[in-house]
């Protein structure tokens, strides 16, 4: 069985080559597979797409230092999952309570677009993160790729649980999957996802975890 996190993983030739190039261009960046961040014994797991070039790829902490993290951490703070409303760097004062954050793909992909085969190669890492979710528990998938990666890791049929913003399914006994549009700069600037819409999803997660 694979480790849940391998800081030296090179399973994907394209991603490993790209990260080598990034380390030359940005020698101070993390530029390696990014570990999960948060409370190890939590019942709430958030799954994003992949590290951003100047975000988690730079800091080594999911959604830290980029635009997507601004809305995510602010919303988590308001819902009581985070000690602070922002995340600037790995090792800062931010702590998560009953919450962990990871990605469907642990390495930065070119143009922020992982290939399907790269999602597949990283999927057993995600499966082990899902196994660690305390039950009853909740998984929040940010975007359709993360949604599908979660279903794949749980050996569930994609067609049985179609993605839509705000979709909510009991995918296993004691495990619910809630999905949202990704809180990316593109989605928020185009208003596909508003701050109100995203906060409502996080609030739904908080209500479910309080009552389950």
N, C-alpha and C. Protein backbone atom coordinates (compact mmCIF):
# COMPACT_ATOMS: atom_id res chain seq x y z
N UNK A 1 0.85 -1.20 0.00
CA UNK A 1 0.00 0.00 0.00
C UNK A 1 0.88 1.25 0.00
N UNK A 2 0.51 2.22 -0.81
CA UNK A 2 1.32 3.43 -0.92
C UNK A 2 1.19 4.29 0.32
N UNK A 3 2.22 5.06 0.59
CA UNK A 3 2.15 6.02 1.66
C UNK A 3 1.13 7.09 1.33
N UNK A 4 0.49 7.65 2.37
CA UNK A 4 -0.50 8.70 2.11
C UNK A 4 0.17 9.96 1.60
N UNK A 5 1.45 10.12 1.90
CA UNK A 5 2.18 11.27 1.36
C UNK A 5 3.64 10.89 1.14
N UNK A 6 4.09 11.09 -0.07
CA UNK A 6 5.49 10.83 -0.41
C UNK A 6 6.09 12.14 -0.93
N UNK A 7 6.92 12.82 -0.14
CA UNK A 7 7.47 14.11 -0.56
C UNK A 7 8.39 14.02 -1.76
N UNK A 8 8.76 12.78 -2.14
CA UNK A 8 9.65 12.60 -3.28
C UNK A 8 8.98 11.83 -4.42
N UNK A 9 7.67 11.81 -4.42
CA UNK A 9 6.93 11.05 -5.43
C UNK A 9 7.24 11.58 -6.84
N UNK A 10 7.54 10.65 -7.76
CA UNK A 10 7.79 11.00 -9.17
C UNK A 10 7.01 10.06 -10.08
N UNK A 11 5.83 9.66 -9.65
CA UNK A 11 5.03 8.72 -10.44
C UNK A 11 4.70 9.27 -11.83
N UNK A 12 4.48 10.55 -11.92
CA UNK A 12 4.04 11.17 -13.17
C UNK A 12 5.23 11.88 -13.82
N UNK A 13 5.72 11.34 -14.92
CA UNK A 13 6.91 11.90 -15.56
C UNK A 13 6.71 13.36 -15.94
N UNK A 14 5.55 13.68 -16.49
CA UNK A 14 5.31 15.07 -16.92
C UNK A 14 5.36 16.02 -15.75
N UNK A 15 4.73 15.65 -14.63
CA UNK A 15 4.70 16.52 -13.46
C UNK A 15 6.08 16.61 -12.81
N UNK A 16 6.78 15.50 -12.72
CA UNK A 16 8.12 15.52 -12.13
C UNK A 16 9.06 16.40 -12.94
N UNK A 17 8.97 16.31 -14.25
CA UNK A 17 9.81 17.15 -15.11
C UNK A 17 9.46 18.62 -14.95
N UNK A 18 8.18 18.90 -14.89
CA UNK A 18 7.73 20.28 -14.73
C UNK A 18 8.19 20.86 -13.40
N UNK A 19 8.09 20.08 -12.33
CA UNK A 19 8.54 20.57 -11.02
C UNK A 19 10.05 20.81 -11.01
N UNK A 20 10.79 20.00 -11.73
CA UNK A 20 12.24 20.23 -11.83
C UNK A 20 12.52 21.58 -12.48
N UNK A 21 11.76 21.89 -13.50
CA UNK A 21 11.91 23.19 -14.17
C UNK A 21 11.52 24.34 -13.25
N UNK A 22 10.45 24.14 -12.48
CA UNK A 22 9.98 25.18 -11.56
C UNK A 22 11.01 25.44 -10.46
N UNK A 23 11.67 24.39 -9.99
CA UNK A 23 12.68 24.58 -8.93
C UNK A 23 13.84 25.43 -9.43
N UNK A 24 14.13 25.34 -10.72
CA UNK A 24 15.19 26.17 -11.29
C UNK A 24 14.73 27.61 -11.40
N UNK A 25 13.50 27.81 -11.85
CA UNK A 25 12.96 29.16 -12.02
C UNK A 25 12.66 29.84 -10.69
N UNK A 26 12.22 29.05 -9.72
CA UNK A 26 11.85 29.61 -8.41
C UNK A 26 12.52 28.77 -7.31
N UNK A 27 13.79 29.00 -7.07
CA UNK A 27 14.53 28.15 -6.13
C UNK A 27 14.04 28.22 -4.69
N UNK A 28 13.28 29.24 -4.34
CA UNK A 28 12.77 29.34 -2.98
C UNK A 28 11.40 28.69 -2.81
N UNK A 29 10.83 28.19 -3.88
CA UNK A 29 9.51 27.57 -3.80
C UNK A 29 9.61 26.13 -3.27
N UNK A 30 8.52 25.66 -2.69
CA UNK A 30 8.42 24.27 -2.25
C UNK A 30 8.62 23.34 -3.44
N UNK A 31 7.82 23.50 -4.49
CA UNK A 31 7.99 22.82 -5.78
C UNK A 31 8.19 21.31 -5.67
N UNK A 32 7.41 20.69 -4.81
CA UNK A 32 7.40 19.24 -4.63
C UNK A 32 5.96 18.83 -4.34
N UNK A 33 5.67 17.55 -4.22
CA UNK A 33 4.32 17.15 -3.81
C UNK A 33 3.92 17.84 -2.51
N UNK A 34 2.68 18.28 -2.45
CA UNK A 34 2.20 19.06 -1.30
C UNK A 34 1.43 18.16 -0.33
N UNK A 35 1.79 18.14 0.94
CA UNK A 35 1.11 17.28 1.91
C UNK A 35 -0.25 17.83 2.31
N UNK A 36 -1.04 16.96 2.90
CA UNK A 36 -2.33 17.36 3.48
C UNK A 36 -2.07 18.28 4.66
N UNK A 37 -3.00 19.21 4.88
CA UNK A 37 -2.87 20.16 5.98
C UNK A 37 -4.11 20.08 6.86
N UNK A 38 -3.90 20.08 8.18
CA UNK A 38 -5.03 20.17 9.09
C UNK A 38 -5.03 19.14 10.19
N UNK A 39 -6.20 18.98 10.79
CA UNK A 39 -6.42 18.12 11.94
C UNK A 39 -6.43 16.66 11.52
N UNK A 40 -5.47 15.88 12.00
CA UNK A 40 -5.33 14.48 11.58
C UNK A 40 -6.53 13.64 11.96
N UNK A 41 -7.23 14.02 13.02
CA UNK A 41 -8.40 13.24 13.47
C UNK A 41 -9.67 14.03 13.22
N UNK A 42 -9.93 14.33 11.97
CA UNK A 42 -11.08 15.16 11.65
C UNK A 42 -12.15 14.36 10.93
N UNK A 43 -13.37 14.89 10.95
CA UNK A 43 -14.48 14.28 10.23
C UNK A 43 -14.84 15.10 8.99
N UNK A 44 -14.01 16.05 8.64
CA UNK A 44 -14.26 16.93 7.50
C UNK A 44 -13.00 17.01 6.65
N UNK A 45 -13.09 16.51 5.42
CA UNK A 45 -11.96 16.55 4.49
C UNK A 45 -12.36 17.39 3.27
N UNK A 46 -11.55 18.37 2.94
CA UNK A 46 -11.76 19.20 1.76
C UNK A 46 -10.76 18.77 0.69
N UNK A 47 -11.26 18.53 -0.52
CA UNK A 47 -10.42 18.07 -1.61
C UNK A 47 -10.46 19.09 -2.74
N UNK A 48 -9.30 19.69 -3.03
CA UNK A 48 -9.18 20.62 -4.14
C UNK A 48 -8.67 19.92 -5.38
N UNK A 49 -8.25 20.71 -6.35
CA UNK A 49 -7.78 20.16 -7.62
C UNK A 49 -6.29 19.80 -7.54
N UNK A 50 -5.45 20.81 -7.44
CA UNK A 50 -3.99 20.62 -7.44
C UNK A 50 -3.35 21.90 -6.92
N UNK A 51 -2.09 21.86 -6.50
CA UNK A 51 -1.41 23.07 -6.04
C UNK A 51 -1.34 24.13 -7.14
N UNK A 52 -1.47 25.40 -6.74
CA UNK A 52 -1.29 26.51 -7.67
C UNK A 52 0.17 26.91 -7.75
N UNK A 53 0.59 27.44 -8.88
CA UNK A 53 2.00 27.78 -9.10
C UNK A 53 2.55 28.68 -8.00
N UNK A 54 1.86 29.78 -7.71
CA UNK A 54 2.35 30.73 -6.71
C UNK A 54 1.62 30.59 -5.38
N UNK A 55 0.86 29.52 -5.23
CA UNK A 55 0.16 29.24 -3.99
C UNK A 55 0.81 28.07 -3.27
N UNK A 56 0.10 26.93 -3.22
CA UNK A 56 0.62 25.78 -2.48
C UNK A 56 1.93 25.26 -3.04
N UNK A 57 2.14 25.38 -4.34
CA UNK A 57 3.42 24.97 -4.91
C UNK A 57 4.58 25.80 -4.36
N UNK A 58 4.28 27.04 -4.00
CA UNK A 58 5.31 27.91 -3.42
C UNK A 58 5.46 27.69 -1.92
N UNK A 59 4.32 27.57 -1.23
CA UNK A 59 4.34 27.53 0.23
C UNK A 59 4.43 26.12 0.81
N UNK A 60 3.99 25.12 0.05
CA UNK A 60 3.98 23.76 0.57
C UNK A 60 2.77 23.45 1.43
N UNK A 61 1.75 24.29 1.39
CA UNK A 61 0.54 24.08 2.19
C UNK A 61 -0.69 24.35 1.31
N UNK A 62 -1.65 23.43 1.26
CA UNK A 62 -2.79 23.59 0.36
C UNK A 62 -3.51 24.93 0.52
N UNK A 63 -3.81 25.56 -0.62
CA UNK A 63 -4.59 26.79 -0.68
C UNK A 63 -3.96 27.94 0.10
N UNK A 64 -2.67 27.90 0.29
CA UNK A 64 -1.98 28.93 1.05
C UNK A 64 -1.16 29.82 0.13
N UNK A 65 -1.44 31.13 0.18
CA UNK A 65 -0.69 32.09 -0.61
C UNK A 65 -1.28 32.40 -1.96
N UNK A 66 -2.49 31.88 -2.27
CA UNK A 66 -3.09 32.18 -3.56
C UNK A 66 -4.52 32.70 -3.40
N UNK A 67 -5.12 33.11 -4.50
CA UNK A 67 -6.44 33.73 -4.47
C UNK A 67 -7.50 32.77 -3.97
N UNK A 68 -7.45 31.51 -4.40
CA UNK A 68 -8.47 30.55 -3.98
C UNK A 68 -8.49 30.39 -2.46
N UNK A 69 -7.31 30.45 -1.85
CA UNK A 69 -7.24 30.28 -0.41
C UNK A 69 -7.86 31.43 0.37
N UNK A 70 -7.92 32.61 -0.23
CA UNK A 70 -8.50 33.75 0.48
C UNK A 70 -9.94 33.46 0.85
N UNK A 71 -10.74 33.03 -0.12
CA UNK A 71 -12.14 32.73 0.14
C UNK A 71 -12.30 31.48 0.98
N UNK A 72 -11.49 30.46 0.71
CA UNK A 72 -11.62 29.21 1.46
C UNK A 72 -11.35 29.41 2.94
N UNK A 73 -10.20 30.00 3.27
CA UNK A 73 -9.85 30.11 4.69
C UNK A 73 -10.72 31.12 5.42
N UNK A 74 -11.14 32.16 4.74
CA UNK A 74 -12.05 33.11 5.36
C UNK A 74 -13.38 32.43 5.71
N UNK A 75 -13.88 31.62 4.80
CA UNK A 75 -15.14 30.91 5.02
C UNK A 75 -14.99 29.87 6.13
N UNK A 76 -13.86 29.17 6.15
CA UNK A 76 -13.63 28.20 7.22
C UNK A 76 -13.53 28.88 8.58
N UNK A 77 -12.90 30.03 8.62
CA UNK A 77 -12.80 30.79 9.87
C UNK A 77 -14.19 31.19 10.36
N UNK A 78 -15.00 31.71 9.47
CA UNK A 78 -16.35 32.16 9.85
C UNK A 78 -17.21 31.00 10.34
N UNK A 79 -16.95 29.79 9.83
CA UNK A 79 -17.73 28.62 10.24
C UNK A 79 -17.13 27.90 11.44
N UNK A 80 -16.01 28.38 11.96
CA UNK A 80 -15.42 27.80 13.15
C UNK A 80 -14.41 26.70 12.91
N UNK A 81 -14.01 26.48 11.65
CA UNK A 81 -13.04 25.43 11.35
C UNK A 81 -11.59 25.91 11.38
N UNK A 82 -11.37 27.23 11.29
CA UNK A 82 -10.02 27.76 11.22
C UNK A 82 -9.79 28.81 12.30
N UNK A 83 -8.58 28.86 12.82
CA UNK A 83 -8.25 29.79 13.89
C UNK A 83 -8.05 31.21 13.39
N UNK A 84 -7.75 31.36 12.10
CA UNK A 84 -7.51 32.66 11.50
C UNK A 84 -8.19 32.72 10.13
N UNK A 85 -8.50 33.90 9.63
CA UNK A 85 -9.21 34.01 8.36
C UNK A 85 -8.32 33.97 7.13
N UNK A 86 -7.01 33.84 7.31
CA UNK A 86 -6.14 33.80 6.15
C UNK A 86 -4.94 32.89 6.40
N UNK A 87 -4.37 32.43 5.29
CA UNK A 87 -3.17 31.58 5.33
C UNK A 87 -2.14 32.17 4.40
N UNK A 88 -1.02 32.55 4.94
CA UNK A 88 0.01 33.22 4.16
C UNK A 88 1.18 32.29 3.84
N UNK A 89 1.57 31.48 4.81
CA UNK A 89 2.73 30.61 4.62
C UNK A 89 2.59 29.37 5.49
N UNK A 90 3.20 28.29 5.08
CA UNK A 90 3.24 27.10 5.91
C UNK A 90 3.93 27.42 7.22
N UNK A 91 3.38 26.93 8.31
CA UNK A 91 3.98 27.19 9.62
C UNK A 91 3.54 28.48 10.24
N UNK A 92 2.60 29.21 9.63
CA UNK A 92 2.09 30.42 10.27
C UNK A 92 1.13 30.03 11.39
N UNK A 93 0.46 30.98 11.97
CA UNK A 93 -0.36 30.72 13.16
C UNK A 93 -1.66 30.00 12.87
N UNK A 94 -2.02 29.85 11.62
CA UNK A 94 -3.29 29.22 11.27
C UNK A 94 -3.34 27.76 11.68
N UNK A 95 -4.44 27.37 12.33
CA UNK A 95 -4.68 25.97 12.67
C UNK A 95 -6.11 25.63 12.29
N UNK A 96 -6.34 24.39 11.90
CA UNK A 96 -7.67 23.93 11.56
C UNK A 96 -8.21 23.01 12.65
N UNK A 97 -9.50 23.08 12.87
CA UNK A 97 -10.16 22.25 13.87
C UNK A 97 -11.17 21.35 13.18
N UNK A 98 -11.06 20.04 13.38
CA UNK A 98 -11.94 19.04 12.77
C UNK A 98 -12.00 19.21 11.26
N UNK A 99 -10.89 19.53 10.64
CA UNK A 99 -10.87 19.78 9.20
C UNK A 99 -9.48 19.50 8.64
N UNK A 100 -9.42 18.87 7.47
CA UNK A 100 -8.17 18.67 6.74
C UNK A 100 -8.38 19.09 5.30
N UNK A 101 -7.31 19.50 4.66
CA UNK A 101 -7.38 19.94 3.27
C UNK A 101 -6.30 19.22 2.45
N UNK A 102 -6.70 18.69 1.30
CA UNK A 102 -5.77 18.03 0.41
C UNK A 102 -6.17 18.33 -1.03
N UNK A 103 -5.51 17.69 -1.98
CA UNK A 103 -5.82 17.87 -3.39
C UNK A 103 -5.94 16.53 -4.10
N UNK A 104 -6.70 16.52 -5.19
CA UNK A 104 -6.82 15.31 -6.00
C UNK A 104 -5.48 14.94 -6.61
N UNK A 105 -4.69 15.95 -6.95
CA UNK A 105 -3.33 15.76 -7.48
C UNK A 105 -2.38 16.56 -6.60
N UNK A 106 -1.34 15.91 -6.11
CA UNK A 106 -0.45 16.54 -5.12
C UNK A 106 0.59 17.47 -5.73
N UNK A 107 0.82 17.36 -7.04
CA UNK A 107 1.88 18.16 -7.69
C UNK A 107 1.29 19.20 -8.62
N UNK A 108 2.00 20.29 -8.77
CA UNK A 108 1.61 21.35 -9.70
C UNK A 108 1.59 20.84 -11.13
N UNK A 109 0.44 20.96 -11.84
CA UNK A 109 0.40 20.58 -13.25
C UNK A 109 0.57 21.79 -14.16
N UNK A 110 1.15 21.63 -15.33
CA UNK A 110 1.24 22.75 -16.27
C UNK A 110 -0.15 23.32 -16.57
N UNK A 111 -0.24 24.65 -16.59
CA UNK A 111 -1.50 25.34 -16.86
C UNK A 111 -2.60 24.97 -15.88
N UNK A 112 -2.23 24.42 -14.73
CA UNK A 112 -3.17 24.01 -13.70
C UNK A 112 -4.18 22.98 -14.20
N UNK A 113 -3.74 22.15 -15.16
CA UNK A 113 -4.64 21.15 -15.74
C UNK A 113 -3.98 19.78 -15.71
N UNK A 114 -4.28 18.99 -14.68
CA UNK A 114 -3.73 17.63 -14.64
C UNK A 114 -4.38 16.75 -15.69
N UNK A 115 -3.63 15.79 -16.20
CA UNK A 115 -4.18 14.81 -17.11
C UNK A 115 -4.95 13.76 -16.32
N UNK A 116 -5.88 13.10 -17.00
CA UNK A 116 -6.66 12.06 -16.32
C UNK A 116 -5.80 10.97 -15.73
N UNK A 117 -4.74 10.61 -16.43
CA UNK A 117 -3.85 9.57 -15.93
C UNK A 117 -3.10 10.03 -14.68
N UNK A 118 -2.86 11.33 -14.55
CA UNK A 118 -2.18 11.86 -13.37
C UNK A 118 -3.12 11.84 -12.16
N UNK A 119 -4.38 12.15 -12.39
CA UNK A 119 -5.37 12.02 -11.32
C UNK A 119 -5.45 10.57 -10.86
N UNK A 120 -5.41 9.64 -11.80
CA UNK A 120 -5.48 8.22 -11.46
C UNK A 120 -4.26 7.78 -10.66
N UNK A 121 -3.07 8.22 -11.07
CA UNK A 121 -1.86 7.79 -10.36
C UNK A 121 -1.82 8.32 -8.93
N UNK A 122 -2.45 9.45 -8.69
CA UNK A 122 -2.46 10.06 -7.36
C UNK A 122 -3.65 9.57 -6.51
N UNK A 123 -4.51 8.75 -7.12
CA UNK A 123 -5.79 8.46 -6.48
C UNK A 123 -5.67 7.61 -5.23
N UNK A 124 -4.66 6.74 -5.14
CA UNK A 124 -4.58 5.93 -3.93
C UNK A 124 -4.13 6.75 -2.73
N UNK A 125 -3.39 7.85 -2.98
CA UNK A 125 -3.09 8.78 -1.88
C UNK A 125 -4.38 9.39 -1.35
N UNK A 126 -5.26 9.79 -2.25
CA UNK A 126 -6.55 10.34 -1.84
C UNK A 126 -7.39 9.29 -1.13
N UNK A 127 -7.36 8.05 -1.61
CA UNK A 127 -8.13 6.98 -0.98
C UNK A 127 -7.73 6.81 0.48
N UNK A 128 -6.45 6.91 0.77
CA UNK A 128 -6.02 6.76 2.16
C UNK A 128 -6.45 7.95 3.00
N UNK A 129 -6.47 9.14 2.42
CA UNK A 129 -6.99 10.29 3.17
C UNK A 129 -8.47 10.10 3.48
N UNK A 130 -9.21 9.57 2.53
CA UNK A 130 -10.63 9.32 2.75
C UNK A 130 -10.85 8.26 3.82
N UNK A 131 -10.00 7.26 3.86
CA UNK A 131 -10.11 6.22 4.89
C UNK A 131 -9.94 6.80 6.29
N UNK A 132 -9.19 7.89 6.39
CA UNK A 132 -8.89 8.48 7.69
C UNK A 132 -9.98 9.42 8.19
N UNK A 133 -10.96 9.73 7.36
CA UNK A 133 -12.03 10.61 7.80
C UNK A 133 -12.84 9.92 8.89
N UNK A 134 -12.97 10.57 10.05
CA UNK A 134 -13.76 10.01 11.14
C UNK A 134 -15.22 9.90 10.70
N UNK A 135 -15.87 8.82 11.08
CA UNK A 135 -17.26 8.61 10.70
C UNK A 135 -18.18 8.82 11.90
N UNK A 136 -19.35 9.42 11.68
CA UNK A 136 -19.81 9.97 10.41
C UNK A 136 -18.97 11.17 9.99
N UNK A 137 -18.77 11.29 8.69
CA UNK A 137 -17.90 12.35 8.19
C UNK A 137 -18.40 12.94 6.90
N UNK A 138 -17.71 13.99 6.48
CA UNK A 138 -18.11 14.74 5.29
C UNK A 138 -16.88 15.06 4.45
N UNK A 139 -17.03 14.90 3.15
CA UNK A 139 -15.99 15.29 2.19
C UNK A 139 -16.55 16.41 1.34
N UNK A 140 -15.81 17.49 1.22
CA UNK A 140 -16.18 18.60 0.35
C UNK A 140 -15.25 18.59 -0.85
N UNK A 141 -15.81 18.35 -2.04
CA UNK A 141 -15.02 18.35 -3.27
C UNK A 141 -15.17 19.70 -3.95
N UNK A 142 -14.05 20.31 -4.28
CA UNK A 142 -14.04 21.62 -4.93
C UNK A 142 -13.79 21.43 -6.42
N UNK A 143 -14.87 21.41 -7.18
CA UNK A 143 -14.77 21.26 -8.62
C UNK A 143 -15.03 19.84 -9.08
N UNK A 144 -15.32 19.71 -10.37
CA UNK A 144 -15.73 18.42 -10.91
C UNK A 144 -14.60 17.40 -10.90
N UNK A 145 -13.35 17.82 -11.11
CA UNK A 145 -12.25 16.85 -11.11
C UNK A 145 -12.06 16.26 -9.72
N UNK A 146 -12.12 17.11 -8.69
CA UNK A 146 -12.02 16.61 -7.32
C UNK A 146 -13.20 15.70 -6.99
N UNK A 147 -14.40 16.09 -7.41
CA UNK A 147 -15.60 15.29 -7.19
C UNK A 147 -15.42 13.89 -7.77
N UNK A 148 -14.97 13.82 -9.01
CA UNK A 148 -14.79 12.53 -9.66
C UNK A 148 -13.66 11.73 -9.04
N UNK A 149 -12.61 12.43 -8.61
CA UNK A 149 -11.48 11.74 -7.98
C UNK A 149 -11.91 11.09 -6.66
N UNK A 150 -12.77 11.77 -5.91
CA UNK A 150 -13.27 11.20 -4.66
C UNK A 150 -14.09 9.94 -4.94
N UNK A 151 -14.98 10.01 -5.92
CA UNK A 151 -15.79 8.84 -6.26
C UNK A 151 -14.91 7.68 -6.74
N UNK A 152 -13.91 7.99 -7.52
CA UNK A 152 -12.99 6.94 -7.99
C UNK A 152 -12.27 6.28 -6.82
N UNK A 153 -11.80 7.11 -5.89
CA UNK A 153 -11.09 6.58 -4.73
C UNK A 153 -11.98 5.72 -3.84
N UNK A 154 -13.27 6.00 -3.87
CA UNK A 154 -14.24 5.24 -3.06
C UNK A 154 -14.87 4.09 -3.83
N UNK A 155 -14.42 3.90 -5.09
CA UNK A 155 -14.94 2.82 -5.96
C UNK A 155 -16.44 2.94 -6.19
N UNK A 156 -16.86 4.19 -6.42
CA UNK A 156 -18.27 4.46 -6.69
C UNK A 156 -18.47 4.83 -8.16
N UNK A 157 -19.63 4.51 -8.71
CA UNK A 157 -19.94 4.83 -10.10
C UNK A 157 -20.12 6.33 -10.27
N UNK A 158 -19.43 6.89 -11.24
CA UNK A 158 -19.54 8.33 -11.50
C UNK A 158 -20.98 8.71 -11.86
N UNK A 159 -21.64 7.88 -12.65
CA UNK A 159 -22.98 8.21 -13.12
C UNK A 159 -24.02 8.23 -12.00
N UNK A 160 -23.72 7.57 -10.91
CA UNK A 160 -24.68 7.51 -9.80
C UNK A 160 -24.65 8.78 -8.96
N UNK A 161 -23.58 9.56 -9.08
CA UNK A 161 -23.42 10.75 -8.25
C UNK A 161 -22.93 11.92 -9.12
N UNK A 162 -23.78 12.46 -9.99
CA UNK A 162 -23.34 13.53 -10.89
C UNK A 162 -22.96 14.80 -10.14
N UNK A 163 -21.97 15.50 -10.69
CA UNK A 163 -21.52 16.75 -10.08
C UNK A 163 -22.46 17.90 -10.42
N UNK A 164 -22.74 18.70 -9.44
CA UNK A 164 -23.33 20.01 -9.63
C UNK A 164 -23.01 20.82 -8.38
N UNK A 165 -23.02 22.12 -8.51
CA UNK A 165 -22.72 22.94 -7.34
C UNK A 165 -23.79 22.70 -6.28
N UNK A 166 -23.35 22.37 -5.08
CA UNK A 166 -24.26 22.11 -3.98
C UNK A 166 -24.81 20.70 -3.92
N UNK A 167 -24.34 19.82 -4.81
CA UNK A 167 -24.82 18.43 -4.75
C UNK A 167 -24.35 17.78 -3.46
N UNK A 168 -25.16 16.87 -2.96
CA UNK A 168 -24.87 16.24 -1.67
C UNK A 168 -25.36 14.79 -1.72
N UNK A 169 -24.46 13.86 -1.46
CA UNK A 169 -24.79 12.44 -1.55
C UNK A 169 -24.20 11.67 -0.38
N UNK A 170 -24.90 10.65 0.07
CA UNK A 170 -24.33 9.67 0.98
C UNK A 170 -23.66 8.61 0.11
N UNK A 171 -22.35 8.66 0.02
CA UNK A 171 -21.63 7.78 -0.90
C UNK A 171 -21.20 6.46 -0.27
N UNK A 172 -21.03 6.47 1.03
CA UNK A 172 -20.77 5.27 1.81
C UNK A 172 -21.49 5.40 3.14
N UNK A 173 -21.66 4.32 3.83
CA UNK A 173 -22.27 4.41 5.15
C UNK A 173 -21.40 5.30 6.05
N UNK A 174 -21.98 6.37 6.55
CA UNK A 174 -21.26 7.27 7.42
C UNK A 174 -20.40 8.30 6.71
N UNK A 175 -20.48 8.35 5.38
CA UNK A 175 -19.64 9.31 4.65
C UNK A 175 -20.48 10.02 3.58
N UNK A 176 -20.55 11.33 3.70
CA UNK A 176 -21.32 12.16 2.77
C UNK A 176 -20.37 12.98 1.90
N UNK A 177 -20.75 13.14 0.64
CA UNK A 177 -19.98 13.95 -0.31
C UNK A 177 -20.78 15.19 -0.68
N UNK A 178 -20.22 16.35 -0.36
CA UNK A 178 -20.79 17.64 -0.71
C UNK A 178 -19.85 18.27 -1.74
N UNK A 179 -20.40 18.86 -2.79
CA UNK A 179 -19.55 19.41 -3.84
C UNK A 179 -19.87 20.86 -4.14
N UNK A 180 -18.86 21.57 -4.59
CA UNK A 180 -18.99 23.00 -4.90
C UNK A 180 -18.15 23.32 -6.12
N UNK A 181 -18.51 24.38 -6.83
CA UNK A 181 -17.58 24.92 -7.80
C UNK A 181 -16.29 25.27 -7.06
N UNK A 182 -15.18 25.14 -7.73
CA UNK A 182 -13.89 25.47 -7.13
C UNK A 182 -13.83 26.98 -6.85
N UNK A 183 -13.22 27.34 -5.73
CA UNK A 183 -13.13 28.76 -5.34
C UNK A 183 -11.93 29.43 -6.01
N UNK A 184 -11.76 29.19 -7.29
CA UNK A 184 -10.65 29.76 -8.05
C UNK A 184 -10.92 31.22 -8.40
N UNK A 185 -9.85 31.92 -8.76
CA UNK A 185 -10.00 33.31 -9.20
C UNK A 185 -10.94 33.40 -10.41
N UNK A 186 -10.78 32.48 -11.36
CA UNK A 186 -11.62 32.51 -12.56
C UNK A 186 -13.10 32.39 -12.18
N UNK A 187 -13.44 31.43 -11.33
CA UNK A 187 -14.84 31.22 -10.98
C UNK A 187 -15.43 32.39 -10.20
N UNK A 188 -14.64 32.98 -9.33
CA UNK A 188 -15.18 34.10 -8.54
C UNK A 188 -15.24 35.38 -9.36
N UNK A 189 -14.28 35.60 -10.24
CA UNK A 189 -14.30 36.82 -11.05
C UNK A 189 -15.40 36.78 -12.11
N UNK A 190 -15.71 35.59 -12.62
CA UNK A 190 -16.79 35.47 -13.59
C UNK A 190 -18.16 35.35 -12.92
N UNK A 191 -18.15 35.29 -11.60
CA UNK A 191 -19.38 35.17 -10.80
C UNK A 191 -20.06 33.82 -10.97
N UNK A 192 -19.36 32.88 -11.52
CA UNK A 192 -19.91 31.52 -11.53
C UNK A 192 -20.09 31.05 -10.08
N UNK A 193 -19.15 31.46 -9.25
CA UNK A 193 -19.22 31.19 -7.82
C UNK A 193 -19.08 32.51 -7.08
N UNK A 194 -20.08 32.89 -6.33
CA UNK A 194 -19.99 34.10 -5.53
C UNK A 194 -19.55 33.74 -4.11
N UNK A 195 -19.10 34.74 -3.37
CA UNK A 195 -18.72 34.50 -1.98
C UNK A 195 -19.89 33.97 -1.19
N UNK A 196 -21.07 34.49 -1.45
CA UNK A 196 -22.27 34.03 -0.74
C UNK A 196 -22.54 32.56 -1.04
N UNK A 197 -22.44 32.17 -2.29
CA UNK A 197 -22.65 30.77 -2.66
C UNK A 197 -21.67 29.86 -1.94
N UNK A 198 -20.41 30.28 -1.88
CA UNK A 198 -19.41 29.42 -1.27
C UNK A 198 -19.58 29.35 0.24
N UNK A 199 -19.88 30.49 0.85
CA UNK A 199 -20.11 30.49 2.30
C UNK A 199 -21.28 29.58 2.67
N UNK A 200 -22.30 29.57 1.83
CA UNK A 200 -23.46 28.72 2.10
C UNK A 200 -23.07 27.24 2.09
N UNK A 201 -22.15 26.86 1.19
CA UNK A 201 -21.69 25.48 1.16
C UNK A 201 -20.93 25.13 2.44
N UNK A 202 -20.03 26.00 2.86
CA UNK A 202 -19.27 25.76 4.09
C UNK A 202 -20.20 25.72 5.30
N UNK A 203 -21.19 26.59 5.33
CA UNK A 203 -22.16 26.59 6.42
C UNK A 203 -22.97 25.30 6.44
N UNK A 204 -23.32 24.78 5.27
CA UNK A 204 -24.01 23.50 5.19
C UNK A 204 -23.14 22.40 5.78
N UNK A 205 -21.86 22.43 5.45
CA UNK A 205 -20.94 21.44 6.00
C UNK A 205 -20.90 21.52 7.52
N UNK A 206 -20.82 22.72 8.04
CA UNK A 206 -20.77 22.90 9.50
C UNK A 206 -22.04 22.40 10.16
N UNK A 207 -23.20 22.71 9.57
CA UNK A 207 -24.48 22.25 10.15
C UNK A 207 -24.56 20.72 10.15
N UNK A 208 -24.13 20.12 9.04
CA UNK A 208 -24.20 18.65 8.97
C UNK A 208 -23.31 18.02 10.03
N UNK A 209 -22.10 18.52 10.18
CA UNK A 209 -21.17 17.93 11.13
C UNK A 209 -21.62 18.12 12.58
N UNK A 210 -22.39 19.16 12.83
CA UNK A 210 -22.90 19.39 14.19
C UNK A 210 -24.06 18.47 14.53
N UNK A 211 -24.77 17.99 13.51
CA UNK A 211 -25.98 17.22 13.76
C UNK A 211 -25.85 15.74 13.46
N UNK A 212 -24.79 15.35 12.73
CA UNK A 212 -24.69 13.92 12.33
C UNK A 212 -24.21 13.06 13.50
